[in-house]
Amino acid sequence: MPRAWSAKRERQYKHIKDQAEDRGQSEKRAEEIAARTVNKERARKGESKTSSRLSKSDTSSGHRGGKRSGSSGPRGRTKEQLYNEAKRRNIKGRSKMTKAELQKALN
């Protein structure tokens, strides 16, 4: 997390990172998602020295909410995310479970 960020941006970064980790993302991936999101918002608000034209004119990431993720519709959590949640809850036999079995065990 860069030191040039304001206190608000640091809180935003931490919140986004925590949410990504709760969804089963690795810590490294969660940090990347959070940093990219915060930097895009900084560019949109004119808080950064440089920004692309698209960053300024495009729909905000908060409003867009994954609409460009490439999926045709909601499919729920990935098997990896389900596995990580099962690991966190200490569910036995999780390594041999299918995605459907993991979903059932978590519900």
N, C-alpha and C. Protein backbone atom coordinates (compact mmCIF):
# COMPACT_ATOMS: atom_id res chain seq x y z
N MET A 1 0.85 -1.17 0.00
CA MET A 1 0.00 0.00 0.00
C MET A 1 0.90 1.24 0.00
N PRO A 2 0.83 2.06 -1.05
CA PRO A 2 1.68 3.25 -1.13
C PRO A 2 1.38 4.26 -0.02
N ARG A 3 2.41 4.97 0.40
CA ARG A 3 2.23 5.96 1.47
C ARG A 3 1.53 7.23 1.00
N ALA A 4 1.48 7.45 -0.31
CA ALA A 4 0.89 8.68 -0.85
C ALA A 4 -0.63 8.68 -0.75
N TRP A 5 -1.23 7.56 -0.39
CA TRP A 5 -2.68 7.48 -0.31
C TRP A 5 -3.18 8.22 0.93
N SER A 6 -4.37 8.77 0.81
CA SER A 6 -5.00 9.43 1.95
C SER A 6 -5.53 8.37 2.92
N ALA A 7 -5.93 8.81 4.07
CA ALA A 7 -6.49 7.88 5.07
C ALA A 7 -7.73 7.18 4.51
N LYS A 8 -8.52 7.93 3.74
CA LYS A 8 -9.73 7.35 3.15
C LYS A 8 -9.36 6.23 2.19
N ARG A 9 -8.35 6.45 1.36
CA ARG A 9 -7.94 5.44 0.39
C ARG A 9 -7.32 4.22 1.09
N GLU A 10 -6.64 4.44 2.19
CA GLU A 10 -6.08 3.31 2.95
C GLU A 10 -7.22 2.46 3.53
N ARG A 11 -8.26 3.11 4.04
CA ARG A 11 -9.42 2.36 4.56
C ARG A 11 -10.11 1.61 3.42
N GLN A 12 -10.24 2.26 2.27
CA GLN A 12 -10.87 1.63 1.11
C GLN A 12 -10.05 0.40 0.68
N TYR A 13 -8.73 0.54 0.63
CA TYR A 13 -7.84 -0.56 0.25
C TYR A 13 -8.02 -1.74 1.20
N LYS A 14 -8.00 -1.46 2.50
CA LYS A 14 -8.13 -2.52 3.50
C LYS A 14 -9.48 -3.22 3.37
N HIS A 15 -10.54 -2.45 3.17
CA HIS A 15 -11.89 -3.03 3.03
C HIS A 15 -11.96 -3.93 1.81
N ILE A 16 -11.47 -3.46 0.67
CA ILE A 16 -11.52 -4.25 -0.57
C ILE A 16 -10.68 -5.51 -0.43
N LYS A 17 -9.50 -5.37 0.17
CA LYS A 17 -8.61 -6.52 0.37
C LYS A 17 -9.28 -7.56 1.27
N ASP A 18 -9.86 -7.12 2.38
CA ASP A 18 -10.53 -8.04 3.30
C ASP A 18 -11.69 -8.77 2.62
N GLN A 19 -12.46 -8.04 1.82
CA GLN A 19 -13.59 -8.65 1.12
C GLN A 19 -13.12 -9.70 0.12
N ALA A 20 -12.04 -9.40 -0.60
CA ALA A 20 -11.51 -10.36 -1.58
C ALA A 20 -11.01 -11.61 -0.87
N GLU A 21 -10.35 -11.45 0.27
CA GLU A 21 -9.88 -12.61 1.03
C GLU A 21 -11.05 -13.42 1.57
N ASP A 22 -12.12 -12.75 1.99
CA ASP A 22 -13.31 -13.45 2.47
C ASP A 22 -13.95 -14.28 1.36
N ARG A 23 -13.81 -13.82 0.10
CA ARG A 23 -14.34 -14.56 -1.04
C ARG A 23 -13.43 -15.70 -1.47
N GLY A 24 -12.29 -15.87 -0.77
CA GLY A 24 -11.41 -16.99 -1.07
C GLY A 24 -10.20 -16.66 -1.92
N GLN A 25 -9.97 -15.40 -2.23
CA GLN A 25 -8.79 -15.01 -3.00
C GLN A 25 -7.55 -15.14 -2.11
N SER A 26 -6.42 -15.43 -2.74
CA SER A 26 -5.17 -15.46 -1.97
C SER A 26 -4.84 -14.04 -1.52
N GLU A 27 -3.96 -13.93 -0.53
CA GLU A 27 -3.62 -12.60 -0.01
C GLU A 27 -2.98 -11.75 -1.11
N LYS A 28 -2.10 -12.35 -1.91
CA LYS A 28 -1.42 -11.62 -2.97
C LYS A 28 -2.43 -11.10 -4.01
N ARG A 29 -3.37 -11.95 -4.41
CA ARG A 29 -4.38 -11.56 -5.39
C ARG A 29 -5.31 -10.49 -4.80
N ALA A 30 -5.66 -10.63 -3.53
CA ALA A 30 -6.52 -9.66 -2.86
C ALA A 30 -5.85 -8.29 -2.82
N GLU A 31 -4.53 -8.28 -2.54
CA GLU A 31 -3.79 -7.01 -2.53
C GLU A 31 -3.78 -6.38 -3.91
N GLU A 32 -3.61 -7.20 -4.95
CA GLU A 32 -3.59 -6.67 -6.32
C GLU A 32 -4.94 -6.07 -6.69
N ILE A 33 -6.02 -6.77 -6.39
CA ILE A 33 -7.36 -6.28 -6.69
C ILE A 33 -7.61 -4.96 -5.98
N ALA A 34 -7.26 -4.91 -4.69
CA ALA A 34 -7.49 -3.70 -3.89
C ALA A 34 -6.68 -2.53 -4.43
N ALA A 35 -5.41 -2.76 -4.72
CA ALA A 35 -4.55 -1.67 -5.20
C ALA A 35 -5.04 -1.15 -6.55
N ARG A 36 -5.41 -2.05 -7.45
CA ARG A 36 -5.91 -1.61 -8.76
C ARG A 36 -7.19 -0.79 -8.63
N THR A 37 -8.08 -1.26 -7.76
CA THR A 37 -9.35 -0.56 -7.57
C THR A 37 -9.13 0.83 -6.99
N VAL A 38 -8.30 0.92 -5.96
CA VAL A 38 -8.04 2.21 -5.32
C VAL A 38 -7.33 3.16 -6.30
N ASN A 39 -6.36 2.65 -7.03
CA ASN A 39 -5.65 3.51 -7.99
C ASN A 39 -6.57 4.01 -9.08
N LYS A 40 -7.51 3.18 -9.53
CA LYS A 40 -8.46 3.61 -10.55
C LYS A 40 -9.37 4.72 -9.98
N GLU A 41 -9.82 4.55 -8.75
CA GLU A 41 -10.67 5.56 -8.13
C GLU A 41 -9.90 6.87 -7.93
N ARG A 42 -8.63 6.77 -7.56
CA ARG A 42 -7.80 7.97 -7.41
C ARG A 42 -7.68 8.70 -8.74
N ALA A 43 -7.49 7.94 -9.81
CA ALA A 43 -7.36 8.55 -11.14
C ALA A 43 -8.67 9.22 -11.55
N ARG A 44 -9.78 8.58 -11.25
CA ARG A 44 -11.09 9.14 -11.61
C ARG A 44 -11.36 10.45 -10.86
N LYS A 45 -10.89 10.53 -9.61
CA LYS A 45 -11.13 11.72 -8.79
C LYS A 45 -10.06 12.79 -8.94
N GLY A 46 -9.06 12.53 -9.80
CA GLY A 46 -8.00 13.51 -10.02
C GLY A 46 -6.97 13.57 -8.90
N GLU A 47 -6.83 12.49 -8.13
CA GLU A 47 -5.89 12.46 -7.00
C GLU A 47 -4.51 11.95 -7.40
N SER A 48 -4.37 11.43 -8.62
CA SER A 48 -3.07 10.91 -9.05
C SER A 48 -2.45 11.85 -10.08
N LYS A 49 -1.13 11.78 -10.20
CA LYS A 49 -0.42 12.66 -11.13
C LYS A 49 -0.73 12.30 -12.58
N THR A 50 -0.81 11.02 -12.86
CA THR A 50 -1.10 10.57 -14.22
C THR A 50 -2.29 9.64 -14.21
N SER A 51 -3.04 9.64 -15.28
CA SER A 51 -4.16 8.72 -15.44
C SER A 51 -4.53 8.62 -16.91
N SER A 52 -5.04 7.48 -17.30
CA SER A 52 -5.41 7.29 -18.70
C SER A 52 -6.76 7.97 -18.97
N ARG A 53 -7.02 8.22 -20.22
CA ARG A 53 -8.29 8.83 -20.61
C ARG A 53 -9.45 7.92 -20.22
N LEU A 54 -9.26 6.62 -20.37
CA LEU A 54 -10.31 5.67 -20.04
C LEU A 54 -10.61 5.68 -18.55
N SER A 55 -9.58 5.83 -17.73
CA SER A 55 -9.80 5.87 -16.28
C SER A 55 -10.70 7.03 -15.89
N LYS A 56 -10.58 8.12 -16.59
CA LYS A 56 -11.38 9.31 -16.25
C LYS A 56 -12.81 9.23 -16.77
N SER A 57 -13.00 8.62 -17.93
CA SER A 57 -14.32 8.66 -18.56
C SER A 57 -15.13 7.38 -18.39
N ASP A 58 -14.51 6.30 -17.99
CA ASP A 58 -15.18 5.01 -17.89
C ASP A 58 -16.10 4.95 -16.67
N THR A 59 -16.99 3.99 -16.66
CA THR A 59 -17.87 3.75 -15.52
C THR A 59 -17.02 3.37 -14.31
N SER A 60 -17.38 3.85 -13.14
CA SER A 60 -16.59 3.55 -11.95
C SER A 60 -16.63 2.06 -11.63
N SER A 61 -15.56 1.59 -11.02
CA SER A 61 -15.47 0.16 -10.71
C SER A 61 -16.54 -0.25 -9.70
N GLY A 62 -16.89 0.63 -8.80
CA GLY A 62 -17.94 0.31 -7.83
C GLY A 62 -19.29 0.14 -8.49
N HIS A 63 -19.58 0.96 -9.48
CA HIS A 63 -20.86 0.87 -10.18
C HIS A 63 -20.87 -0.32 -11.13
N ARG A 64 -19.73 -0.58 -11.76
CA ARG A 64 -19.63 -1.65 -12.75
C ARG A 64 -19.80 -3.02 -12.09
N GLY A 65 -19.16 -3.22 -10.94
CA GLY A 65 -19.36 -4.42 -10.15
C GLY A 65 -19.14 -5.75 -10.85
N GLY A 66 -18.11 -5.89 -11.66
CA GLY A 66 -17.80 -7.16 -12.30
C GLY A 66 -18.58 -7.44 -13.56
N LYS A 67 -19.22 -6.44 -14.14
CA LYS A 67 -20.01 -6.66 -15.34
C LYS A 67 -19.15 -7.09 -16.53
N ARG A 68 -17.85 -6.84 -16.46
CA ARG A 68 -16.97 -7.19 -17.57
C ARG A 68 -16.08 -8.39 -17.24
N SER A 69 -16.48 -9.19 -16.32
CA SER A 69 -15.63 -10.29 -15.87
C SER A 69 -15.53 -11.43 -16.88
N GLY A 70 -16.32 -11.39 -17.94
CA GLY A 70 -16.25 -12.43 -18.96
C GLY A 70 -17.24 -13.55 -18.75
N SER A 71 -17.94 -13.57 -17.65
CA SER A 71 -18.92 -14.62 -17.42
C SER A 71 -20.27 -14.18 -17.96
N SER A 72 -21.04 -15.15 -18.41
CA SER A 72 -22.35 -14.82 -18.97
C SER A 72 -23.41 -14.67 -17.89
N GLY A 73 -23.09 -15.03 -16.69
CA GLY A 73 -24.06 -14.90 -15.61
C GLY A 73 -23.46 -15.36 -14.30
N PRO A 74 -24.18 -15.22 -13.22
CA PRO A 74 -23.64 -15.63 -11.93
C PRO A 74 -23.46 -17.14 -11.87
N ARG A 75 -22.31 -17.56 -11.40
CA ARG A 75 -22.03 -18.99 -11.28
C ARG A 75 -21.59 -19.35 -9.87
N GLY A 76 -21.64 -18.42 -8.97
CA GLY A 76 -21.23 -18.69 -7.60
C GLY A 76 -19.73 -18.69 -7.44
N ARG A 77 -19.30 -19.20 -6.31
CA ARG A 77 -17.88 -19.21 -6.00
C ARG A 77 -17.17 -20.33 -6.76
N THR A 78 -15.88 -20.14 -6.99
CA THR A 78 -15.09 -21.17 -7.66
C THR A 78 -14.81 -22.31 -6.69
N LYS A 79 -14.34 -23.44 -7.25
CA LYS A 79 -14.01 -24.58 -6.40
C LYS A 79 -12.90 -24.20 -5.43
N GLU A 80 -11.93 -23.42 -5.91
CA GLU A 80 -10.83 -22.98 -5.04
C GLU A 80 -11.35 -22.14 -3.88
N GLN A 81 -12.28 -21.23 -4.16
CA GLN A 81 -12.85 -20.41 -3.09
C GLN A 81 -13.62 -21.28 -2.09
N LEU A 82 -14.38 -22.25 -2.61
CA LEU A 82 -15.12 -23.15 -1.74
C LEU A 82 -14.16 -23.99 -0.89
N TYR A 83 -13.10 -24.47 -1.51
CA TYR A 83 -12.10 -25.27 -0.79
C TYR A 83 -11.46 -24.44 0.33
N ASN A 84 -11.10 -23.20 0.03
CA ASN A 84 -10.48 -22.34 1.04
C ASN A 84 -11.42 -22.10 2.22
N GLU A 85 -12.70 -21.93 1.91
CA GLU A 85 -13.69 -21.74 2.97
C GLU A 85 -13.83 -23.01 3.81
N ALA A 86 -13.84 -24.18 3.14
CA ALA A 86 -13.93 -25.46 3.84
C ALA A 86 -12.69 -25.67 4.72
N LYS A 87 -11.54 -25.25 4.22
CA LYS A 87 -10.30 -25.37 4.98
C LYS A 87 -10.38 -24.49 6.23
N ARG A 88 -10.89 -23.27 6.04
CA ARG A 88 -11.03 -22.34 7.16
C ARG A 88 -11.97 -22.91 8.23
N ARG A 89 -13.03 -23.61 7.78
CA ARG A 89 -14.00 -24.19 8.71
C ARG A 89 -13.58 -25.58 9.19
N ASN A 90 -12.44 -26.06 8.70
CA ASN A 90 -11.88 -27.35 9.11
C ASN A 90 -12.82 -28.52 8.78
N ILE A 91 -13.36 -28.53 7.56
CA ILE A 91 -14.24 -29.61 7.11
C ILE A 91 -13.38 -30.79 6.64
N LYS A 92 -13.64 -31.95 7.19
CA LYS A 92 -12.85 -33.15 6.89
C LYS A 92 -13.19 -33.68 5.49
N GLY A 93 -12.19 -34.21 4.78
CA GLY A 93 -12.38 -34.81 3.47
C GLY A 93 -12.53 -33.83 2.33
N ARG A 94 -12.24 -32.58 2.58
CA ARG A 94 -12.46 -31.53 1.58
C ARG A 94 -11.60 -31.69 0.33
N SER A 95 -10.41 -32.28 0.48
CA SER A 95 -9.50 -32.38 -0.66
C SER A 95 -10.02 -33.33 -1.75
N LYS A 96 -10.90 -34.25 -1.37
CA LYS A 96 -11.43 -35.22 -2.34
C LYS A 96 -12.83 -34.84 -2.83
N MET A 97 -13.36 -33.73 -2.34
CA MET A 97 -14.73 -33.33 -2.71
C MET A 97 -14.78 -32.61 -4.05
N THR A 98 -15.89 -32.79 -4.75
CA THR A 98 -16.14 -32.03 -5.97
C THR A 98 -16.67 -30.65 -5.57
N LYS A 99 -16.84 -29.80 -6.56
CA LYS A 99 -17.38 -28.46 -6.28
C LYS A 99 -18.77 -28.56 -5.65
N ALA A 100 -19.61 -29.43 -6.19
CA ALA A 100 -20.97 -29.59 -5.67
C ALA A 100 -20.94 -30.11 -4.23
N GLU A 101 -20.04 -31.05 -3.95
CA GLU A 101 -19.94 -31.59 -2.60
C GLU A 101 -19.44 -30.53 -1.62
N LEU A 102 -18.49 -29.71 -2.07
CA LEU A 102 -18.02 -28.61 -1.22
C LEU A 102 -19.15 -27.63 -0.91
N GLN A 103 -19.94 -27.30 -1.93
CA GLN A 103 -21.08 -26.39 -1.71
C GLN A 103 -22.05 -26.97 -0.69
N LYS A 104 -22.33 -28.26 -0.83
CA LYS A 104 -23.27 -28.92 0.08
C LYS A 104 -22.71 -28.95 1.51
N ALA A 105 -21.41 -29.24 1.63
CA ALA A 105 -20.79 -29.29 2.95
C ALA A 105 -20.78 -27.93 3.63
N LEU A 106 -20.61 -26.88 2.85
CA LEU A 106 -20.58 -25.54 3.40
C LEU A 106 -21.96 -25.01 3.76
N ASN A 107 -22.97 -25.50 3.07
CA ASN A 107 -24.34 -25.06 3.37
C ASN A 107 -24.84 -25.82 4.55
